[in-house]
N, C-alpha and C. Protein backbone atom coordinates (compact mmCIF):
# COMPACT_ATOMS: atom_id res chain seq x y z
N MET A 1 107.91 102.98 110.32
CA MET A 1 107.48 103.00 109.11
C MET A 1 106.97 104.42 108.52
N GLY A 2 106.58 105.44 109.36
CA GLY A 2 106.33 106.46 109.00
C GLY A 2 104.69 106.40 108.33
N ILE A 3 104.41 107.76 108.14
CA ILE A 3 102.81 108.12 108.01
C ILE A 3 102.90 107.66 106.71
N LYS A 4 104.03 107.85 105.49
CA LYS A 4 103.77 107.08 104.09
C LYS A 4 103.61 105.96 104.12
N GLY A 5 104.21 105.52 104.68
CA GLY A 5 104.45 103.96 104.96
C GLY A 5 103.74 103.27 105.05
N TRP A 6 103.03 103.77 106.56
CA TRP A 6 101.59 103.00 106.91
C TRP A 6 100.19 103.51 105.77
N TYR A 7 100.32 104.67 105.48
CA TYR A 7 99.13 104.59 104.77
C TYR A 7 99.12 104.16 103.12
N ASP A 8 100.14 103.41 102.72
CA ASP A 8 100.47 102.82 101.70
C ASP A 8 99.97 101.56 101.74
N ALA A 9 100.46 101.24 102.59
CA ALA A 9 100.35 99.43 103.75
C ALA A 9 98.97 99.19 103.78
N THR A 10 98.33 100.24 104.39
CA THR A 10 96.72 99.79 105.19
C THR A 10 95.74 100.76 104.36
N ILE A 11 96.19 102.11 104.28
CA ILE A 11 94.67 102.92 103.91
C ILE A 11 94.48 102.80 102.33
N MET A 12 95.67 102.99 101.56
CA MET A 12 95.82 102.63 100.24
C MET A 12 94.93 101.82 99.59
N PRO A 13 95.19 100.36 99.99
CA PRO A 13 95.16 99.48 99.17
C PRO A 13 92.98 99.11 99.50
N ARG A 14 92.64 99.60 100.75
CA ARG A 14 91.43 99.15 100.99
C ARG A 14 90.58 100.69 100.11
N LEU A 15 90.95 101.58 99.79
CA LEU A 15 90.96 102.73 99.11
C LEU A 15 90.45 102.43 97.29
N ILE A 16 91.91 101.81 97.25
CA ILE A 16 91.56 101.53 95.72
C ILE A 16 90.71 100.34 95.44
N THR A 17 90.70 99.15 96.72
CA THR A 17 89.29 98.07 96.28
C THR A 17 88.25 98.24 96.40
N CYS A 18 87.89 99.76 97.24
CA CYS A 18 86.63 100.23 97.26
C CYS A 18 86.08 101.08 95.99
N ALA A 19 87.40 101.83 95.47
CA ALA A 19 87.09 102.40 94.33
C ALA A 19 86.79 101.73 92.73
N CYS A 20 87.44 100.42 93.18
CA CYS A 20 87.31 99.42 91.81
C CYS A 20 86.23 98.90 91.96
N SER A 21 85.46 98.75 92.92
CA SER A 21 84.38 97.74 93.35
C SER A 21 83.09 98.56 93.39
N GLN A 22 83.22 99.99 92.70
CA GLN A 22 81.57 100.27 92.58
C GLN A 22 80.50 99.78 91.72
N GLY A 23 79.48 99.98 91.91
CA GLY A 23 77.96 99.54 91.13
C GLY A 23 78.41 99.52 89.47
N GLN A 24 78.67 100.82 88.66
CA GLN A 24 79.18 100.77 87.47
C GLN A 24 80.41 99.80 86.83
N VAL A 25 81.36 100.13 87.75
CA VAL A 25 82.67 99.28 87.66
C VAL A 25 82.40 98.09 87.66
N MET A 26 81.62 97.76 88.61
CA MET A 26 81.21 95.91 88.81
C MET A 26 80.54 95.53 87.50
N LYS A 27 79.57 96.31 87.01
CA LYS A 27 78.68 95.90 85.76
C LYS A 27 79.93 95.57 84.59
N ARG A 28 80.63 96.78 84.23
CA ARG A 28 81.51 96.39 83.39
C ARG A 28 82.48 95.49 83.16
N ARG A 29 82.93 95.00 84.43
CA ARG A 29 83.70 93.87 85.02
C ARG A 29 82.97 92.65 84.81
N ALA A 30 81.78 92.77 85.23
CA ALA A 30 80.95 91.09 84.95
C ALA A 30 80.65 91.40 83.16
N ALA A 31 80.42 92.10 82.53
CA ALA A 31 80.53 91.87 81.29
C ALA A 31 82.07 91.41 80.28
N LEU A 32 82.97 92.08 80.97
CA LEU A 32 84.28 91.73 79.92
C LEU A 32 85.04 90.11 80.53
N VAL A 33 85.06 90.67 81.88
CA VAL A 33 85.86 89.24 82.89
C VAL A 33 85.74 87.82 82.12
N PRO A 34 83.65 87.10 82.05
CA PRO A 34 83.86 86.15 81.43
C PRO A 34 84.41 85.54 80.32
N LEU A 35 84.78 86.87 79.28
CA LEU A 35 85.40 86.22 78.07
C LEU A 35 86.76 85.70 78.14
N ALA A 36 87.19 85.72 79.51
CA ALA A 36 88.37 85.17 79.36
C ALA A 36 88.39 83.23 79.29
N ARG A 37 88.98 82.73 78.79
CA ARG A 37 89.48 81.45 77.99
C ARG A 37 91.11 80.76 78.07
N GLY A 38 91.27 79.60 78.46
CA GLY A 38 92.27 79.12 78.42
C GLY A 38 92.89 79.22 79.51
N ASP A 39 94.74 79.49 79.28
CA ASP A 39 95.24 79.54 80.37
C ASP A 39 95.16 81.10 80.82
N VAL A 40 94.82 82.16 81.73
CA VAL A 40 94.51 83.06 81.98
C VAL A 40 95.41 83.55 82.84
N PHE A 41 96.24 85.05 82.52
CA PHE A 41 96.70 85.61 83.84
C PHE A 41 96.41 87.08 83.69
N GLU A 42 96.10 87.06 84.99
CA GLU A 42 95.83 88.41 85.13
C GLU A 42 96.82 89.44 86.12
N LEU A 43 96.63 90.49 85.24
CA LEU A 43 98.00 91.49 85.75
C LEU A 43 97.34 92.81 86.45
N GLY A 44 98.38 92.47 87.77
CA GLY A 44 97.40 93.48 88.71
C GLY A 44 96.03 92.74 89.33
N CYS A 45 96.37 91.71 89.70
CA CYS A 45 95.37 90.35 90.33
C CYS A 45 95.00 91.17 91.82
N GLY A 46 95.58 91.93 92.42
CA GLY A 46 95.39 92.68 93.74
C GLY A 46 94.05 92.40 94.38
N GLY A 47 93.34 92.35 95.52
CA GLY A 47 92.27 92.51 95.70
C GLY A 47 91.46 91.43 95.27
N GLY A 48 91.23 90.74 93.99
CA GLY A 48 90.93 89.55 94.17
C GLY A 48 89.06 90.19 93.20
N ILE A 49 88.88 90.98 92.85
CA ILE A 49 87.72 91.48 92.83
C ILE A 49 87.13 90.79 91.99
N ASN A 50 87.68 90.25 90.41
CA ASN A 50 87.49 89.47 89.50
C ASN A 50 87.09 88.38 89.74
N HIS A 51 87.63 87.61 90.26
CA HIS A 51 87.27 86.24 91.06
C HIS A 51 85.87 85.79 90.33
N ALA A 52 85.28 86.87 91.10
CA ALA A 52 83.55 86.31 90.93
C ALA A 52 83.07 86.42 89.63
N PHE A 53 83.67 86.59 88.30
CA PHE A 53 83.39 86.66 87.17
C PHE A 53 83.85 86.04 86.28
N TYR A 54 85.10 85.44 86.90
CA TYR A 54 85.44 84.16 85.62
C TYR A 54 84.41 83.19 85.64
N ASP A 55 84.54 82.70 84.54
CA ASP A 55 83.85 81.16 83.93
C ASP A 55 84.91 80.30 84.69
N ALA A 56 84.90 79.20 85.65
CA ALA A 56 85.89 78.95 86.17
C ALA A 56 85.99 77.23 84.63
N GLY A 57 84.70 77.02 84.23
CA GLY A 57 84.81 75.64 83.38
C GLY A 57 85.45 76.38 81.93
N ALA A 58 85.61 77.51 81.44
CA ALA A 58 86.45 78.01 80.72
C ALA A 58 87.70 78.11 80.56
N ILE A 59 87.93 77.92 81.70
CA ILE A 59 89.78 78.44 82.38
C ILE A 59 90.37 77.04 82.39
N THR A 60 91.31 76.87 81.71
CA THR A 60 92.21 75.55 81.98
C THR A 60 93.24 75.87 82.99
N SER A 61 94.20 77.18 83.59
CA SER A 61 94.87 77.56 84.43
C SER A 61 94.82 79.03 84.89
N TYR A 62 94.70 79.43 85.95
CA TYR A 62 94.60 80.87 86.34
C TYR A 62 95.89 81.58 86.96
N ALA A 63 96.85 82.61 86.66
CA ALA A 63 97.70 82.69 87.45
C ALA A 63 97.68 84.65 87.60
N GLY A 64 98.47 85.06 88.55
CA GLY A 64 98.43 86.48 88.23
C GLY A 64 99.43 87.12 89.15
N ILE A 65 99.64 88.36 88.83
CA ILE A 65 100.94 88.95 89.49
C ILE A 65 100.34 90.14 90.31
N ASP A 66 100.92 90.66 91.27
CA ASP A 66 100.46 92.39 92.22
C ASP A 66 101.66 92.79 92.72
N PRO A 67 102.17 93.87 92.89
CA PRO A 67 103.08 94.29 93.49
C PRO A 67 102.95 94.39 94.86
N HIS A 68 101.66 94.49 95.21
CA HIS A 68 101.26 95.22 96.51
C HIS A 68 100.83 93.92 97.63
N GLU A 69 101.74 93.52 98.21
CA GLU A 69 101.45 91.76 99.17
C GLU A 69 100.36 91.88 99.87
N GLY A 70 100.00 93.45 100.27
CA GLY A 70 98.55 93.74 101.26
C GLY A 70 96.85 93.40 100.17
N LEU A 71 96.94 93.74 99.11
CA LEU A 71 96.30 93.18 97.59
C LEU A 71 96.49 91.94 97.67
N LEU A 72 97.41 91.58 97.26
CA LEU A 72 97.69 90.06 96.92
C LEU A 72 97.11 89.05 98.22
N GLU A 73 97.19 89.34 99.18
CA GLU A 73 96.55 88.74 99.78
C GLU A 73 94.90 88.31 99.90
N GLY A 74 94.53 89.76 99.42
CA GLY A 74 92.57 89.61 98.71
C GLY A 74 92.77 88.74 97.66
N ALA A 75 93.68 88.43 96.88
CA ALA A 75 93.34 87.90 95.74
C ALA A 75 93.48 86.26 96.05
N ARG A 76 94.48 86.24 97.00
CA ARG A 76 94.85 84.74 97.23
C ARG A 76 93.48 84.23 98.20
N ARG A 77 92.83 85.42 99.07
CA ARG A 77 91.45 84.48 100.01
C ARG A 77 90.16 84.39 98.64
N ALA A 78 90.23 85.14 97.86
CA ALA A 78 89.27 85.21 96.83
C ALA A 78 89.28 83.98 96.00
N ALA A 79 90.84 83.48 95.63
CA ALA A 79 91.22 82.15 94.96
C ALA A 79 90.55 81.18 95.81
N ARG A 80 90.63 81.46 97.01
CA ARG A 80 90.13 80.02 98.19
C ARG A 80 88.76 80.12 98.41
N GLU A 81 88.01 81.15 98.25
CA GLU A 81 86.51 81.19 98.34
C GLU A 81 86.16 80.67 97.12
N LYS A 82 87.02 80.86 96.07
CA LYS A 82 86.37 80.46 94.42
C LYS A 82 86.39 78.95 94.19
N GLY A 83 87.40 78.17 95.03
CA GLY A 83 87.55 77.27 95.00
C GLY A 83 88.60 76.50 93.87
N TRP A 84 89.57 77.80 93.44
CA TRP A 84 90.24 77.37 92.21
C TRP A 84 91.76 77.27 93.11
N VAL A 85 92.93 76.42 92.07
CA VAL A 85 93.84 76.97 92.35
C VAL A 85 94.79 77.98 91.62
N ALA A 86 95.46 78.62 92.01
CA ALA A 86 95.72 80.03 91.43
C ALA A 86 97.34 80.37 91.73
N ASP A 87 98.21 80.26 90.95
CA ASP A 87 99.36 80.56 91.13
C ASP A 87 99.39 82.22 90.94
N LEU A 88 99.53 82.77 92.36
CA LEU A 88 99.60 84.17 92.38
C LEU A 88 101.03 84.55 92.89
N ARG A 89 101.77 85.56 92.29
CA ARG A 89 102.98 85.73 92.75
C ARG A 89 102.81 87.63 93.25
N GLN A 90 103.55 88.04 93.90
CA GLN A 90 104.29 89.62 94.20
C GLN A 90 105.32 89.75 92.68
N GLY A 91 104.50 90.67 92.02
CA GLY A 91 105.73 91.09 90.88
C GLY A 91 105.19 92.29 90.00
N ARG A 92 105.65 92.55 89.39
CA ARG A 92 105.69 93.87 88.62
C ARG A 92 105.23 93.74 86.87
N GLY A 93 104.48 94.67 86.32
CA GLY A 93 104.13 94.00 85.17
C GLY A 93 105.30 94.25 83.94
N GLU A 94 106.36 95.54 84.43
CA GLU A 94 107.59 95.46 83.71
C GLU A 94 107.98 94.54 83.34
N ALA A 95 107.97 93.38 84.29
CA ALA A 95 109.05 91.99 84.33
C ALA A 95 108.55 91.25 84.88
N ILE A 96 107.13 90.55 83.95
CA ILE A 96 106.34 89.41 84.43
C ILE A 96 106.75 88.32 84.26
N PRO A 97 107.22 87.27 85.56
CA PRO A 97 108.14 86.17 85.88
C PRO A 97 107.22 85.01 85.19
N PHE A 98 107.04 85.14 84.11
CA PHE A 98 106.42 83.79 83.61
C PHE A 98 106.96 83.82 81.75
N ALA A 99 107.25 82.98 81.60
CA ALA A 99 107.70 82.60 80.26
C ALA A 99 107.25 83.03 78.97
N GLU A 100 107.66 83.14 77.80
CA GLU A 100 107.46 83.36 76.72
C GLU A 100 106.12 82.76 76.33
N ALA A 101 104.60 82.97 75.48
CA ALA A 101 103.67 82.37 74.68
C ALA A 101 103.27 81.32 76.39
N SER A 102 103.20 81.85 77.43
CA SER A 102 102.67 80.90 78.30
C SER A 102 101.05 81.19 78.63
N PHE A 103 100.30 81.59 77.97
CA PHE A 103 98.88 82.38 78.47
C PHE A 103 98.11 82.77 76.90
N ASP A 104 96.78 82.21 76.89
CA ASP A 104 96.18 82.35 75.88
C ASP A 104 94.96 83.79 76.20
N CYS A 105 95.38 84.44 77.55
CA CYS A 105 94.57 85.27 77.72
C CYS A 105 95.09 86.15 78.79
N VAL A 106 95.30 87.57 78.63
CA VAL A 106 95.47 88.03 79.95
C VAL A 106 94.25 89.44 80.28
N VAL A 107 94.14 89.31 81.19
CA VAL A 107 93.05 90.33 82.33
C VAL A 107 93.64 91.41 82.16
N CYS A 108 93.54 93.09 81.94
CA CYS A 108 93.97 93.49 82.96
C CYS A 108 92.95 94.53 83.17
N THR A 109 92.44 94.89 84.49
CA THR A 109 91.76 95.75 84.72
C THR A 109 92.26 96.95 85.84
N PHE A 110 92.42 98.40 85.42
CA PHE A 110 92.39 99.29 86.46
C PHE A 110 93.99 99.30 86.65
N THR A 111 94.91 98.78 85.58
CA THR A 111 96.14 98.54 85.98
C THR A 111 97.00 99.50 85.63
N LEU A 112 97.16 99.51 84.05
CA LEU A 112 97.60 100.42 83.27
C LEU A 112 98.02 101.69 84.08
N CYS A 113 97.08 102.85 84.62
CA CYS A 113 96.96 103.49 84.98
C CYS A 113 98.15 103.71 85.94
N SER A 114 98.82 102.81 86.85
CA SER A 114 99.52 102.98 87.70
C SER A 114 100.83 102.47 87.78
N VAL A 115 101.48 101.62 86.49
CA VAL A 115 102.49 100.82 86.45
C VAL A 115 103.38 102.09 86.38
N ALA A 116 104.71 101.97 86.33
CA ALA A 116 105.67 102.79 86.35
C ALA A 116 106.25 102.86 85.09
N ASP A 117 106.34 101.93 83.80
CA ASP A 117 106.49 102.03 82.53
C ASP A 117 105.63 101.38 81.80
N PRO A 118 104.17 101.63 81.19
CA PRO A 118 103.47 101.29 80.68
C PRO A 118 103.54 100.44 79.21
N ALA A 119 104.80 101.06 78.59
CA ALA A 119 105.08 100.57 77.23
C ALA A 119 105.77 99.10 77.33
N GLN A 120 106.58 99.44 78.46
CA GLN A 120 107.35 98.19 78.64
C GLN A 120 106.53 97.11 79.14
N VAL A 121 105.57 97.44 80.24
CA VAL A 121 104.31 96.53 80.85
C VAL A 121 103.49 95.81 79.39
N MET A 122 103.05 96.54 78.17
CA MET A 122 102.39 96.09 77.19
C MET A 122 103.40 95.00 76.31
N ARG A 123 104.85 95.32 76.39
CA ARG A 123 105.54 94.12 75.62
C ARG A 123 105.81 92.99 76.34
N GLU A 124 105.80 93.30 77.41
CA GLU A 124 105.28 91.97 78.26
C GLU A 124 104.11 90.97 78.58
N MET A 125 103.31 91.90 78.23
CA MET A 125 101.82 91.23 77.75
C MET A 125 101.86 90.48 76.69
N ARG A 126 102.30 91.31 75.44
CA ARG A 126 102.42 90.54 74.11
C ARG A 126 103.74 89.34 74.28
N ARG A 127 104.46 89.28 74.89
CA ARG A 127 105.71 88.33 75.20
C ARG A 127 104.84 87.14 75.75
N ILE A 128 104.21 87.24 77.10
CA ILE A 128 103.93 86.13 77.41
C ILE A 128 102.53 85.78 76.74
N LEU A 129 102.19 86.03 75.59
CA LEU A 129 100.44 85.76 75.13
C LEU A 129 100.90 84.95 74.18
N ARG A 130 100.59 83.68 73.96
CA ARG A 130 100.70 82.82 72.52
C ARG A 130 99.89 83.76 71.38
N PRO A 131 100.59 83.64 70.13
CA PRO A 131 100.11 83.85 68.85
C PRO A 131 98.37 83.89 68.90
N GLY A 132 97.59 85.06 68.60
CA GLY A 132 96.65 84.97 68.40
C GLY A 132 95.57 85.50 69.72
N GLY A 133 96.53 85.10 70.78
CA GLY A 133 96.00 85.61 71.90
C GLY A 133 95.39 86.45 72.01
N LYS A 134 94.59 87.11 73.34
CA LYS A 134 93.67 88.10 73.73
C LYS A 134 94.11 88.74 75.28
N ALA A 135 94.13 89.96 75.43
CA ALA A 135 94.29 90.79 76.11
C ALA A 135 92.88 91.02 76.56
N LEU A 136 92.51 91.50 77.52
CA LEU A 136 90.70 92.04 78.05
C LEU A 136 91.24 92.95 78.77
N PHE A 137 90.67 94.13 78.27
CA PHE A 137 91.09 95.23 79.43
C PHE A 137 89.87 96.26 79.34
N LEU A 138 90.01 96.67 80.81
CA LEU A 138 88.88 97.53 81.58
C LEU A 138 89.75 98.73 82.32
N GLU A 139 90.17 99.75 81.61
CA GLU A 139 90.79 100.96 82.36
C GLU A 139 90.33 102.44 81.91
N HIS A 140 91.06 103.30 83.16
CA HIS A 140 90.32 104.40 83.07
C HIS A 140 91.19 105.51 82.57
N GLY A 141 91.49 106.32 81.78
CA GLY A 141 92.26 107.53 81.66
C GLY A 141 92.03 108.37 80.95
N ARG A 142 92.70 108.97 79.81
CA ARG A 142 92.69 110.60 79.25
C ARG A 142 91.35 110.68 78.67
N ALA A 143 90.67 111.77 79.10
CA ALA A 143 89.41 111.87 78.83
C ALA A 143 89.58 112.47 77.20
N PRO A 144 88.25 112.22 76.37
CA PRO A 144 88.53 113.21 74.74
C PRO A 144 88.16 114.33 75.02
N ASP A 145 87.49 114.78 76.07
CA ASP A 145 87.29 116.11 76.11
C ASP A 145 88.15 117.08 76.73
N PRO A 146 88.56 118.47 75.78
CA PRO A 146 89.66 119.09 76.26
C PRO A 146 89.31 119.90 77.84
N GLY A 147 88.55 120.25 78.47
CA GLY A 147 87.96 120.64 79.47
C GLY A 147 88.17 119.58 80.68
N VAL A 148 87.59 118.41 80.23
CA VAL A 148 88.13 117.53 81.52
C VAL A 148 89.21 117.10 81.56
N ARG A 149 90.33 117.44 80.31
CA ARG A 149 91.43 116.96 80.29
C ARG A 149 92.53 117.67 80.95
N ARG A 150 91.99 119.05 81.20
CA ARG A 150 92.79 120.21 81.49
C ARG A 150 92.43 119.81 83.24
N TRP A 151 91.66 119.56 83.85
CA TRP A 151 91.42 118.89 85.12
C TRP A 151 92.06 117.84 85.49
N GLN A 152 91.83 116.92 84.69
CA GLN A 152 92.79 115.70 85.00
C GLN A 152 94.42 116.18 85.13
N GLU A 153 94.75 117.08 84.11
CA GLU A 153 96.29 117.05 84.29
C GLU A 153 96.72 118.32 85.58
N ARG A 154 95.91 118.99 86.05
CA ARG A 154 95.86 119.58 87.46
C ARG A 154 95.62 118.82 88.50
N ILE A 155 94.74 117.80 88.41
CA ILE A 155 94.72 117.15 89.62
C ILE A 155 95.49 115.61 89.62
N GLU A 156 96.45 115.17 89.04
CA GLU A 156 96.78 113.92 88.68
C GLU A 156 98.16 113.89 89.76
N PRO A 157 99.14 115.16 89.58
CA PRO A 157 99.86 114.99 90.49
C PRO A 157 99.38 114.58 91.82
N LEU A 158 98.47 115.55 93.01
CA LEU A 158 98.24 114.64 94.07
C LEU A 158 97.54 113.46 93.93
N TRP A 159 96.84 113.09 93.06
CA TRP A 159 96.00 112.30 92.73
C TRP A 159 96.92 110.69 92.70
N LYS A 160 98.22 110.99 92.43
CA LYS A 160 99.42 109.47 92.19
C LYS A 160 99.75 109.68 93.64
N ARG A 161 99.64 110.60 94.43
CA ARG A 161 100.21 110.51 95.40
C ARG A 161 99.32 109.44 96.56
N LEU A 162 98.27 110.15 96.52
CA LEU A 162 96.90 109.82 97.26
C LEU A 162 96.54 108.40 96.67
N ALA A 163 96.76 107.85 95.50
CA ALA A 163 95.84 106.59 94.77
C ALA A 163 97.12 105.53 94.40
N GLY A 164 98.08 105.08 94.86
CA GLY A 164 99.17 104.22 94.25
C GLY A 164 99.61 104.68 93.39
N GLY A 165 100.10 105.95 92.80
CA GLY A 165 100.92 105.93 91.45
C GLY A 165 99.83 106.30 90.67
N CYS A 166 98.57 106.17 90.59
CA CYS A 166 97.47 106.05 89.90
C CYS A 166 97.18 107.43 89.15
N HIS A 167 97.68 106.90 87.39
CA HIS A 167 97.78 108.24 86.56
C HIS A 167 96.01 108.67 86.09
N LEU A 168 95.74 109.58 85.87
CA LEU A 168 94.56 109.95 85.22
C LEU A 168 94.78 110.39 83.78
N THR A 169 95.70 110.53 83.10
CA THR A 169 95.92 111.14 81.80
C THR A 169 96.70 110.36 80.71
N ARG A 170 96.66 108.96 81.31
CA ARG A 170 97.05 107.93 80.07
C ARG A 170 96.03 107.69 79.17
N PRO A 171 96.83 107.53 78.06
CA PRO A 171 95.54 106.83 77.01
C PRO A 171 95.24 105.14 76.80
N VAL A 172 94.30 104.82 76.71
CA VAL A 172 94.08 103.24 76.58
C VAL A 172 94.34 102.78 75.58
N ALA A 173 93.15 102.95 74.35
CA ALA A 173 93.02 101.86 73.49
C ALA A 173 93.91 102.18 72.55
N SER A 174 94.28 103.16 72.07
CA SER A 174 95.19 103.91 71.62
C SER A 174 96.86 103.44 71.92
N ALA A 175 97.34 103.34 73.12
CA ALA A 175 98.22 102.94 73.59
C ALA A 175 98.56 101.26 73.42
N LEU A 176 97.64 100.66 73.52
CA LEU A 176 97.77 99.03 72.97
C LEU A 176 97.82 98.95 71.51
N ALA A 177 97.30 99.82 70.59
CA ALA A 177 97.27 99.90 69.86
C ALA A 177 98.84 99.96 69.19
N GLU A 178 99.31 101.02 69.51
CA GLU A 178 100.92 101.40 69.44
C GLU A 178 101.44 100.18 69.73
N ALA A 179 101.58 99.84 70.90
CA ALA A 179 101.96 98.80 71.59
C ALA A 179 101.79 97.60 70.19
N GLY A 180 100.94 97.20 69.42
CA GLY A 180 101.00 96.37 68.38
C GLY A 180 100.18 95.26 68.34
N PHE A 181 98.91 95.42 69.26
CA PHE A 181 97.98 94.87 69.41
C PHE A 181 97.11 95.24 68.49
N ALA A 182 96.10 94.59 67.96
CA ALA A 182 94.99 94.83 67.36
C ALA A 182 93.37 94.64 68.25
N VAL A 183 93.42 95.99 67.96
CA VAL A 183 92.59 96.62 69.47
C VAL A 183 90.54 96.10 68.92
N GLU A 184 90.13 95.90 69.61
CA GLU A 184 88.68 95.84 69.19
C GLU A 184 87.80 95.97 70.24
N PRO A 185 87.72 97.63 70.18
CA PRO A 185 86.59 98.07 71.62
C PRO A 185 85.34 97.70 71.42
N LEU A 186 85.36 97.42 72.62
CA LEU A 186 83.71 96.93 73.40
C LEU A 186 83.01 98.27 73.79
N GLY A 187 83.44 99.13 74.67
CA GLY A 187 82.72 100.47 74.48
C GLY A 187 83.37 101.55 75.13
N LYS A 188 83.36 102.26 75.52
CA LYS A 188 83.90 103.93 76.49
C LYS A 188 82.63 104.99 76.72
N GLY A 189 83.41 105.41 77.48
CA GLY A 189 82.71 106.79 77.92
C GLY A 189 82.95 106.93 79.61
N TYR A 190 81.92 107.73 80.03
CA TYR A 190 82.29 108.56 81.33
C TYR A 190 81.27 107.56 82.65
N THR A 191 82.19 106.89 83.49
CA THR A 191 81.15 106.41 84.36
C THR A 191 79.66 107.15 85.08
N PRO A 192 78.93 106.68 84.96
CA PRO A 192 77.90 107.33 85.94
C PRO A 192 78.02 108.13 87.36
N LYS A 193 77.60 108.76 87.94
CA LYS A 193 77.91 109.28 89.06
C LYS A 193 79.44 109.56 89.53
N ALA A 194 80.27 109.24 88.70
CA ALA A 194 81.92 109.57 88.93
C ALA A 194 82.52 110.76 88.63
N PRO A 195 83.27 111.57 89.23
CA PRO A 195 83.70 112.76 88.54
C PRO A 195 84.51 112.32 87.74
N ARG A 196 84.11 113.60 86.11
CA ARG A 196 84.38 113.11 84.80
C ARG A 196 86.16 113.21 84.79
N PHE A 197 86.59 113.70 85.84
CA PHE A 197 87.78 113.70 86.01
C PHE A 197 88.72 112.27 85.68
N ALA A 198 88.09 111.17 86.72
CA ALA A 198 88.48 109.97 86.78
C ALA A 198 87.68 109.16 86.53
N GLY A 199 86.57 109.61 85.54
CA GLY A 199 85.45 108.51 84.94
C GLY A 199 85.39 108.16 83.99
N TRP A 200 86.50 108.16 82.82
CA TRP A 200 86.35 108.08 81.50
C TRP A 200 87.04 107.00 81.11
N MET A 201 86.38 105.72 80.78
CA MET A 201 86.66 104.02 80.44
C MET A 201 86.73 103.65 79.41
N GLU A 202 87.40 102.99 78.95
CA GLU A 202 87.41 102.13 77.73
C GLU A 202 87.84 100.69 78.06
N TRP A 203 86.95 99.61 77.28
CA TRP A 203 87.32 98.42 77.47
C TRP A 203 86.80 97.94 75.90
N GLY A 204 87.89 96.37 76.10
CA GLY A 204 87.58 95.98 75.13
C GLY A 204 88.93 94.47 74.78
N VAL A 205 88.68 94.13 73.95
CA VAL A 205 90.00 93.31 73.38
C VAL A 205 91.06 93.70 72.67
N ALA A 206 92.09 93.37 73.20
CA ALA A 206 93.11 93.66 72.23
C ALA A 206 94.08 92.42 71.96
N ARG A 207 94.29 91.72 70.73
CA ARG A 207 94.72 90.68 70.16
C ARG A 207 96.14 90.48 70.09
N LYS A 208 97.02 89.93 70.07
CA LYS A 208 98.53 89.61 69.81
C LYS A 208 98.44 89.39 68.36
N PRO A 209 99.01 89.73 67.30
CA PRO A 209 99.18 89.30 66.19
C PRO A 209 99.49 87.95 65.66
N GLY A 210 98.90 86.81 64.72
CA GLY A 210 99.50 85.42 64.92
C GLY A 210 98.38 84.62 64.86
């Protein structure tokens, strides 16, 4: 397997799950994820961190994908513990394995930073949403302060190798708007106690026209 293969298969998933389940991050998940309604699809569902926050009574069906089998097993375990049926598949956001207009809601938390082609992923999100459907997003990305952005640019090459392809400099809400969503920001800011280069967060609702 080699050191890189071993790291990617065993260490990296644990680091990502730990980093994405810190206290302030969980508070923001707890405020956003319960807004999901109807037929729900989660992009990057690995680890199953969001399962605790879904309002099962408001959800008709739940499906999700993740490219990492190790993280996906955590999501399957979380679904079993929640006691609901979940259609969880290994896959990538650039080619979501579900039909057009299949879902009322897409949930995307800390995922757009690590996909290979964010523009294509957003096109896929729009494709699988029904007209008027919404995407709930909670993402970290490009900071508004020039000094912080310079550090993000310096650190990003090494950061990507250690954090499963995670980028520090990608825009969030503006990229969703450019992809054709009507964006309703719910909040943004630096995460308390987190390094500022990795701490800029944006969250909200992105609606598909129609």
